Amino acid sequence: ADDLDDITLLDFAGQKLVLNIFPSIDTPTCAT
């Protein structure tokens, strides 16, 4: 995570989860 803690699939139990996977946040399409 952005605070350097671990994030696991279990952290989202009971919620719908969308994994938006991309190369780099600093590119136009990824940012969009």
PDB file of all heavy atoms in Angstrom:
ATOM      1  N   ALA A   1       0.832  -1.202   0.000  1.00  0.00           N
ATOM      2  CA  ALA A   1       0.000   0.000   0.000  1.00  0.00           C
ATOM      3  C   ALA A   1       0.868   1.255   0.000  1.00  0.00           C
ATOM      4  O   ALA A   1       2.085   1.181   0.193  1.00  0.00           O
ATOM      5  CB  ALA A   1      -0.907  -0.003   1.233  1.00  0.00           C
ATOM      6  N   ASP A   2       0.221   2.404  -0.150  1.00  0.00           N
ATOM      7  CA  ASP A   2       0.984   3.659  -0.192  1.00  0.00           C
ATOM      8  C   ASP A   2       1.623   4.020   1.145  1.00  0.00           C
ATOM      9  O   ASP A   2       2.497   4.872   1.211  1.00  0.00           O
ATOM     10  CB  ASP A   2       0.143   4.810  -0.752  1.00  0.00           C
ATOM     11  CG  ASP A   2      -1.046   5.171   0.106  1.00  0.00           C
ATOM     12  OD1 ASP A   2      -1.180   4.684   1.241  1.00  0.00           O
ATOM     13  OD2 ASP A   2      -1.867   5.982  -0.377  1.00  0.00           O
ATOM     14  N   ASP A   3       1.214   3.344   2.223  1.00  0.00           N
ATOM     15  CA  ASP A   3       1.859   3.557   3.525  1.00  0.00           C
ATOM     16  C   ASP A   3       2.885   2.453   3.833  1.00  0.00           C
ATOM     17  O   ASP A   3       3.368   2.342   4.951  1.00  0.00           O
ATOM     18  CB  ASP A   3       0.817   3.635   4.636  1.00  0.00           C
ATOM     19  CG  ASP A   3       0.002   2.362   4.798  1.00  0.00           C
ATOM     20  OD1 ASP A   3       0.252   1.380   4.041  1.00  0.00           O
ATOM     21  OD2 ASP A   3      -0.878   2.336   5.662  1.00  0.00           O
ATOM     22  N   LEU A   4       3.187   1.630   2.828  1.00  0.00           N
ATOM     23  CA  LEU A   4       4.138   0.515   2.872  1.00  0.00           C
ATOM     24  C   LEU A   4       3.640  -0.706   3.637  1.00  0.00           C
ATOM     25  O   LEU A   4       4.383  -1.669   3.804  1.00  0.00           O
ATOM     26  CB  LEU A   4       5.513   0.957   3.389  1.00  0.00           C
ATOM     27  CG  LEU A   4       6.186   2.052   2.570  1.00  0.00           C
ATOM     28  CD1 LEU A   4       7.535   2.425   3.186  1.00  0.00           C
ATOM     29  CD2 LEU A   4       6.366   1.630   1.125  1.00  0.00           C
ATOM     30  N   ASP A   5       2.379  -0.693   4.090  1.00  0.00           N
ATOM     31  CA  ASP A   5       1.787  -1.883   4.691  1.00  0.00           C
ATOM     32  C   ASP A   5       1.407  -2.871   3.591  1.00  0.00           C
ATOM     33  O   ASP A   5       1.215  -2.497   2.435  1.00  0.00           O
ATOM     34  CB  ASP A   5       0.527  -1.521   5.484  1.00  0.00           C
ATOM     35  CG  ASP A   5       0.843  -0.983   6.862  1.00  0.00           C
ATOM     36  OD1 ASP A   5       1.983  -1.161   7.340  1.00  0.00           O
ATOM     37  OD2 ASP A   5      -0.060  -0.366   7.466  1.00  0.00           O
ATOM     38  N   ASP A   6       1.255  -4.129   3.976  1.00  0.00           N
ATOM     39  CA  ASP A   6       0.807  -5.145   3.038  1.00  0.00           C
ATOM     40  C   ASP A   6      -0.692  -5.013   2.791  1.00  0.00           C
ATOM     41  O   ASP A   6      -1.458  -4.648   3.702  1.00  0.00           O
ATOM     42  CB  ASP A   6       1.076  -6.548   3.589  1.00  0.00           C
ATOM     43  CG  ASP A   6       2.550  -6.913   3.586  1.00  0.00           C
ATOM     44  OD1 ASP A   6       3.341  -6.239   2.891  1.00  0.00           O
ATOM     45  OD2 ASP A   6       2.907  -7.886   4.284  1.00  0.00           O
ATOM     46  N   ILE A   7      -1.092  -5.318   1.574  1.00  0.00           N
ATOM     47  CA  ILE A   7      -2.503  -5.424   1.183  1.00  0.00           C
ATOM     48  C   ILE A   7      -2.675  -6.845   0.655  1.00  0.00           C
ATOM     49  O   ILE A   7      -1.884  -7.294  -0.185  1.00  0.00           O
ATOM     50  CB  ILE A   7      -2.862  -4.434   0.057  1.00  0.00           C
ATOM     51  CG1 ILE A   7      -2.662  -2.996   0.481  1.00  0.00           C
ATOM     52  CG2 ILE A   7      -4.301  -4.655  -0.408  1.00  0.00           C
ATOM     53  CD1 ILE A   7      -2.895  -2.000  -0.651  1.00  0.00           C
ATOM     54  N   THR A   8      -3.710  -7.536   1.133  1.00  0.00           N
ATOM     55  CA  THR A   8      -3.963  -8.896   0.664  1.00  0.00           C
ATOM     56  C   THR A   8      -5.388  -9.005   0.135  1.00  0.00           C
ATOM     57  O   THR A   8      -6.232  -8.139   0.397  1.00  0.00           O
ATOM     58  CB  THR A   8      -3.789  -9.920   1.802  1.00  0.00           C
ATOM     59  OG1 THR A   8      -4.835  -9.726   2.756  1.00  0.00           O
ATOM     60  CG2 THR A   8      -2.425  -9.781   2.479  1.00  0.00           C
ATOM     61  N   LEU A   9      -5.653 -10.067  -0.574  1.00  0.00           N
ATOM     62  CA  LEU A   9      -7.002 -10.312  -1.066  1.00  0.00           C
ATOM     63  C   LEU A   9      -7.983 -10.391   0.107  1.00  0.00           C
ATOM     64  O   LEU A   9      -9.109  -9.885   0.023  1.00  0.00           O
ATOM     65  CB  LEU A   9      -7.036 -11.601  -1.890  1.00  0.00           C
ATOM     66  CG  LEU A   9      -8.383 -11.981  -2.504  1.00  0.00           C
ATOM     67  CD1 LEU A   9      -8.869 -10.896  -3.466  1.00  0.00           C
ATOM     68  CD2 LEU A   9      -8.268 -13.314  -3.225  1.00  0.00           C
ATOM     69  N   LEU A  10      -7.561 -10.974   1.194  1.00  0.00           N
ATOM     70  CA  LEU A  10      -8.412 -11.114   2.374  1.00  0.00           C
ATOM     71  C   LEU A  10      -8.893  -9.758   2.910  1.00  0.00           C
ATOM     72  O   LEU A  10      -9.980  -9.654   3.471  1.00  0.00           O
ATOM     73  CB  LEU A  10      -7.672 -11.889   3.464  1.00  0.00           C
ATOM     74  CG  LEU A  10      -8.469 -12.265   4.706  1.00  0.00           C
ATOM     75  CD1 LEU A  10      -9.684 -13.116   4.331  1.00  0.00           C
ATOM     76  CD2 LEU A  10      -7.593 -13.006   5.691  1.00  0.00           C
ATOM     77  N   ASP A  11      -8.111  -8.702   2.704  1.00  0.00           N
ATOM     78  CA  ASP A  11      -8.514  -7.367   3.151  1.00  0.00           C
ATOM     79  C   ASP A  11      -9.801  -6.893   2.494  1.00  0.00           C
ATOM     80  O   ASP A  11     -10.448  -5.966   2.985  1.00  0.00           O
ATOM     81  CB  ASP A  11      -7.406  -6.337   2.872  1.00  0.00           C
ATOM     82  CG  ASP A  11      -6.162  -6.569   3.695  1.00  0.00           C
ATOM     83  OD1 ASP A  11      -6.267  -7.122   4.815  1.00  0.00           O
ATOM     84  OD2 ASP A  11      -5.067  -6.209   3.214  1.00  0.00           O
ATOM     85  N   PHE A  12     -10.180  -7.516   1.389  1.00  0.00           N
ATOM     86  CA  PHE A  12     -11.362  -7.086   0.636  1.00  0.00           C
ATOM     87  C   PHE A  12     -12.499  -8.103   0.732  1.00  0.00           C
ATOM     88  O   PHE A  12     -13.462  -8.027  -0.030  1.00  0.00           O
ATOM     89  CB  PHE A  12     -10.978  -6.838  -0.820  1.00  0.00           C
ATOM     90  CG  PHE A  12      -9.878  -5.823  -0.950  1.00  0.00           C
ATOM     91  CD1 PHE A  12      -8.570  -6.230  -1.144  1.00  0.00           C
ATOM     92  CD2 PHE A  12     -10.146  -4.473  -0.806  1.00  0.00           C
ATOM     93  CE1 PHE A  12      -7.542  -5.302  -1.231  1.00  0.00           C
ATOM     94  CE2 PHE A  12      -9.126  -3.540  -0.885  1.00  0.00           C
ATOM     95  CZ  PHE A  12      -7.826  -3.945  -1.101  1.00  0.00           C
ATOM     96  N   ALA A  13     -12.402  -9.038   1.675  1.00  0.00           N
ATOM     97  CA  ALA A  13     -13.438 -10.055   1.852  1.00  0.00           C
ATOM     98  C   ALA A  13     -14.795  -9.378   2.071  1.00  0.00           C
ATOM     99  O   ALA A  13     -14.898  -8.404   2.813  1.00  0.00           O
ATOM    100  CB  ALA A  13     -13.100 -10.958   3.031  1.00  0.00           C
ATOM    101  N   GLY A  14     -15.817  -9.873   1.387  1.00  0.00           N
ATOM    102  CA  GLY A  14     -17.166  -9.318   1.515  1.00  0.00           C
ATOM    103  C   GLY A  14     -17.411  -8.087   0.667  1.00  0.00           C
ATOM    104  O   GLY A  14     -18.490  -7.502   0.717  1.00  0.00           O
ATOM    105  N   GLN A  15     -16.410  -7.682  -0.112  1.00  0.00           N
ATOM    106  CA  GLN A  15     -16.569  -6.539  -1.013  1.00  0.00           C
ATOM    107  C   GLN A  15     -16.302  -6.986  -2.442  1.00  0.00           C
ATOM    108  O   GLN A  15     -15.575  -7.948  -2.681  1.00  0.00           O
ATOM    109  CB  GLN A  15     -15.570  -5.431  -0.667  1.00  0.00           C
ATOM    110  CG  GLN A  15     -15.769  -4.826   0.699  1.00  0.00           C
ATOM    111  CD  GLN A  15     -14.701  -3.776   0.982  1.00  0.00           C
ATOM    112  OE1 GLN A  15     -13.527  -4.087   1.016  1.00  0.00           O
ATOM    113  NE2 GLN A  15     -15.127  -2.537   1.165  1.00  0.00           N
ATOM    114  N   LYS A  16     -16.876  -6.258  -3.395  1.00  0.00           N
ATOM    115  CA  LYS A  16     -16.524  -6.463  -4.795  1.00  0.00           C
ATOM    116  C   LYS A  16     -15.204  -5.736  -5.017  1.00  0.00           C
ATOM    117  O   LYS A  16     -14.995  -4.644  -4.500  1.00  0.00           O
ATOM    118  CB  LYS A  16     -17.604  -5.898  -5.702  1.00  0.00           C
ATOM    119  CG  LYS A  16     -18.951  -6.562  -5.521  1.00  0.00           C
ATOM    120  CD  LYS A  16     -20.000  -5.823  -6.328  1.00  0.00           C
ATOM    121  CE  LYS A  16     -21.369  -6.089  -5.760  1.00  0.00           C
ATOM    122  NZ  LYS A  16     -22.360  -5.157  -6.312  1.00  0.00           N
ATOM    123  N   LEU A  17     -14.326  -6.360  -5.797  1.00  0.00           N
ATOM    124  CA  LEU A  17     -13.001  -5.800  -6.012  1.00  0.00           C
ATOM    125  C   LEU A  17     -12.699  -5.752  -7.502  1.00  0.00           C
ATOM    126  O   LEU A  17     -12.843  -6.749  -8.206  1.00  0.00           O
ATOM    127  CB  LEU A  17     -11.950  -6.661  -5.297  1.00  0.00           C
ATOM    128  CG  LEU A  17     -10.490  -6.254  -5.443  1.00  0.00           C
ATOM    129  CD1 LEU A  17     -10.238  -4.862  -4.854  1.00  0.00           C
ATOM    130  CD2 LEU A  17      -9.586  -7.288  -4.780  1.00  0.00           C
ATOM    131  N   VAL A  18     -12.289  -4.575  -7.958  1.00  0.00           N
ATOM    132  CA  VAL A  18     -11.823  -4.403  -9.327  1.00  0.00           C
ATOM    133  C   VAL A  18     -10.316  -4.173  -9.265  1.00  0.00           C
ATOM    134  O   VAL A  18      -9.865  -3.218  -8.628  1.00  0.00           O
ATOM    135  CB  VAL A  18     -12.503  -3.200 -10.022  1.00  0.00           C
ATOM    136  CG1 VAL A  18     -11.950  -3.021 -11.438  1.00  0.00           C
ATOM    137  CG2 VAL A  18     -14.017  -3.364 -10.040  1.00  0.00           C
ATOM    138  N   LEU A  19      -9.562  -5.059  -9.893  1.00  0.00           N
ATOM    139  CA  LEU A  19      -8.119  -4.870 -10.008  1.00  0.00           C
ATOM    140  C   LEU A  19      -7.859  -4.165 -11.332  1.00  0.00           C
ATOM    141  O   LEU A  19      -8.058  -4.744 -12.406  1.00  0.00           O
ATOM    142  CB  LEU A  19      -7.391  -6.211  -9.962  1.00  0.00           C
ATOM    143  CG  LEU A  19      -7.553  -7.027  -8.689  1.00  0.00           C
ATOM    144  CD1 LEU A  19      -6.868  -8.381  -8.839  1.00  0.00           C
ATOM    145  CD2 LEU A  19      -7.007  -6.272  -7.487  1.00  0.00           C
ATOM    146  N   ASN A  20      -7.481  -2.903 -11.263  1.00  0.00           N
ATOM    147  CA  ASN A  20      -7.121  -2.105 -12.427  1.00  0.00           C
ATOM    148  C   ASN A  20      -5.601  -2.175 -12.519  1.00  0.00           C
ATOM    149  O   ASN A  20      -4.897  -1.461 -11.815  1.00  0.00           O
ATOM    150  CB  ASN A  20      -7.609  -0.669 -12.249  1.00  0.00           C
ATOM    151  CG  ASN A  20      -7.224   0.236 -13.388  1.00  0.00           C
ATOM    152  OD1 ASN A  20      -7.106  -0.191 -14.532  1.00  0.00           O
ATOM    153  ND2 ASN A  20      -7.007   1.508 -13.089  1.00  0.00           N
ATOM    154  N   ILE A  21      -5.098  -3.075 -13.358  1.00  0.00           N
ATOM    155  CA  ILE A  21      -3.667  -3.380 -13.423  1.00  0.00           C
ATOM    156  C   ILE A  21      -3.076  -2.656 -14.631  1.00  0.00           C
ATOM    157  O   ILE A  21      -3.657  -2.689 -15.720  1.00  0.00           O
ATOM    158  CB  ILE A  21      -3.454  -4.902 -13.555  1.00  0.00           C
ATOM    159  CG1 ILE A  21      -4.174  -5.643 -12.419  1.00  0.00           C
ATOM    160  CG2 ILE A  21      -1.976  -5.250 -13.595  1.00  0.00           C
ATOM    161  CD1 ILE A  21      -4.386  -7.131 -12.674  1.00  0.00           C
ATOM    162  N   PHE A  22      -1.925  -2.021 -14.435  1.00  0.00           N
ATOM    163  CA  PHE A  22      -1.313  -1.277 -15.534  1.00  0.00           C
ATOM    164  C   PHE A  22       0.186  -1.119 -15.310  1.00  0.00           C
ATOM    165  O   PHE A  22       0.682  -1.349 -14.213  1.00  0.00           O
ATOM    166  CB  PHE A  22      -1.979   0.087 -15.715  1.00  0.00           C
ATOM    167  CG  PHE A  22      -2.130   0.886 -14.447  1.00  0.00           C
ATOM    168  CD1 PHE A  22      -1.059   1.568 -13.897  1.00  0.00           C
ATOM    169  CD2 PHE A  22      -3.351   0.963 -13.802  1.00  0.00           C
ATOM    170  CE1 PHE A  22      -1.197   2.313 -12.738  1.00  0.00           C
ATOM    171  CE2 PHE A  22      -3.506   1.707 -12.647  1.00  0.00           C
ATOM    172  CZ  PHE A  22      -2.423   2.385 -12.106  1.00  0.00           C
ATOM    173  N   PRO A  23       0.923  -0.667 -16.357  1.00  0.00           N
ATOM    174  CA  PRO A  23       2.383  -0.563 -16.242  1.00  0.00           C
ATOM    175  C   PRO A  23       2.876   0.511 -15.283  1.00  0.00           C
ATOM    176  O   PRO A  23       3.729   0.247 -14.444  1.00  0.00           O
ATOM    177  CB  PRO A  23       2.842  -0.250 -17.669  1.00  0.00           C
ATOM    178  CG  PRO A  23       1.716  -0.676 -18.545  1.00  0.00           C
ATOM    179  CD  PRO A  23       0.474  -0.513 -17.732  1.00  0.00           C
ATOM    180  N   SER A  24       2.372   1.746 -15.411  1.00  0.00           N
ATOM    181  CA  SER A  24       2.876   2.840 -14.572  1.00  0.00           C
ATOM    182  C   SER A  24       1.861   3.960 -14.459  1.00  0.00           C
ATOM    183  O   SER A  24       1.313   4.413 -15.463  1.00  0.00           O
ATOM    184  CB  SER A  24       4.176   3.412 -15.141  1.00  0.00           C
ATOM    185  OG  SER A  24       4.588   4.531 -14.360  1.00  0.00           O
ATOM    186  N   ILE A  25       1.649   4.425 -13.257  1.00  0.00           N
ATOM    187  CA  ILE A  25       0.713   5.515 -12.982  1.00  0.00           C
ATOM    188  C   ILE A  25       1.116   6.800 -13.703  1.00  0.00           C
ATOM    189  O   ILE A  25       0.295   7.670 -13.954  1.00  0.00           O
ATOM    190  CB  ILE A  25       0.580   5.747 -11.456  1.00  0.00           C
ATOM    191  CG1 ILE A  25      -0.640   6.592 -11.124  1.00  0.00           C
ATOM    192  CG2 ILE A  25       1.813   6.398 -10.877  1.00  0.00           C
ATOM    193  CD1 ILE A  25      -1.808   5.810 -10.697  1.00  0.00           C
ATOM    194  N   ASP A  26       2.387   6.921 -14.058  1.00  0.00           N
ATOM    195  CA  ASP A  26       2.896   8.143 -14.682  1.00  0.00           C
ATOM    196  C   ASP A  26       2.845   8.117 -16.210  1.00  0.00           C
ATOM    197  O   ASP A  26       3.618   8.809 -16.866  1.00  0.00           O
ATOM    198  CB  ASP A  26       4.335   8.412 -14.215  1.00  0.00           C
ATOM    199  CG  ASP A  26       4.365   8.941 -12.781  1.00  0.00           C
ATOM    200  OD1 ASP A  26       3.499   9.761 -12.433  1.00  0.00           O
ATOM    201  OD2 ASP A  26       5.247   8.519 -12.019  1.00  0.00           O
ATOM    202  N   THR A  27       1.950   7.320 -16.778  1.00  0.00           N
ATOM    203  CA  THR A  27       1.749   7.330 -18.224  1.00  0.00           C
ATOM    204  C   THR A  27       0.303   7.735 -18.507  1.00  0.00           C
ATOM    205  O   THR A  27      -0.582   7.518 -17.671  1.00  0.00           O
ATOM    206  CB  THR A  27       2.051   5.953 -18.847  1.00  0.00           C
ATOM    207  OG1 THR A  27       1.166   4.984 -18.284  1.00  0.00           O
ATOM    208  CG2 THR A  27       3.498   5.546 -18.604  1.00  0.00           C
ATOM    209  N   PRO A  28       0.041   8.333 -19.664  1.00  0.00           N
ATOM    210  CA  PRO A  28      -1.289   8.909 -19.924  1.00  0.00           C
ATOM    211  C   PRO A  28      -2.455   7.923 -19.802  1.00  0.00           C
ATOM    212  O   PRO A  28      -3.461   8.235 -19.160  1.00  0.00           O
ATOM    213  CB  PRO A  28      -1.170   9.443 -21.356  1.00  0.00           C
ATOM    214  CG  PRO A  28       0.282   9.690 -21.553  1.00  0.00           C
ATOM    215  CD  PRO A  28       0.988   8.637 -20.743  1.00  0.00           C
ATOM    216  N   THR A  29      -2.358   6.746 -20.404  1.00  0.00           N
ATOM    217  CA  THR A  29      -3.484   5.811 -20.370  1.00  0.00           C
ATOM    218  C   THR A  29      -3.708   5.261 -18.968  1.00  0.00           C
ATOM    219  O   THR A  29      -4.850   5.106 -18.525  1.00  0.00           O
ATOM    220  CB  THR A  29      -3.262   4.672 -21.381  1.00  0.00           C
ATOM    221  OG1 THR A  29      -2.975   5.240 -22.666  1.00  0.00           O
ATOM    222  CG2 THR A  29      -4.489   3.793 -21.495  1.00  0.00           C
ATOM    223  N   CYS A  30      -2.635   4.997 -18.254  1.00  0.00           N
ATOM    224  CA  CYS A  30      -2.751   4.496 -16.882  1.00  0.00           C
ATOM    225  C   CYS A  30      -3.397   5.545 -15.986  1.00  0.00           C
ATOM    226  O   CYS A  30      -4.266   5.240 -15.164  1.00  0.00           O
ATOM    227  CB  CYS A  30      -1.388   4.093 -16.343  1.00  0.00           C
ATOM    228  SG  CYS A  30      -0.557   2.833 -17.338  1.00  0.00           S
ATOM    229  N   ALA A  31      -2.982   6.788 -16.150  1.00  0.00           N
ATOM    230  CA  ALA A  31      -3.564   7.887 -15.379  1.00  0.00           C
ATOM    231  C   ALA A  31      -5.045   8.036 -15.698  1.00  0.00           C
ATOM    232  O   ALA A  31      -5.875   8.219 -14.797  1.00  0.00           O
ATOM    233  CB  ALA A  31      -2.810   9.182 -15.676  1.00  0.00           C
ATOM    234  N   THR A  32      -5.392   7.925 -16.984  1.00  0.00           N
ATOM    235  CA  THR A  32      -6.797   8.035 -17.392  1.00  0.00           C
ATOM    236  C   THR A  32      -7.632   6.932 -16.770  1.00  0.00           C
ATOM    237  O   THR A  32      -8.737   7.187 -16.278  1.00  0.00           O
ATOM    238  CB  THR A  32      -6.905   8.004 -18.930  1.00  0.00           C
ATOM    239  OG1 THR A  32      -6.196   9.127 -19.459  1.00  0.00           O
ATOM    240  CG2 THR A  32      -8.354   8.046 -19.386  1.00  0.00           C
TER     241      THR A  32
END
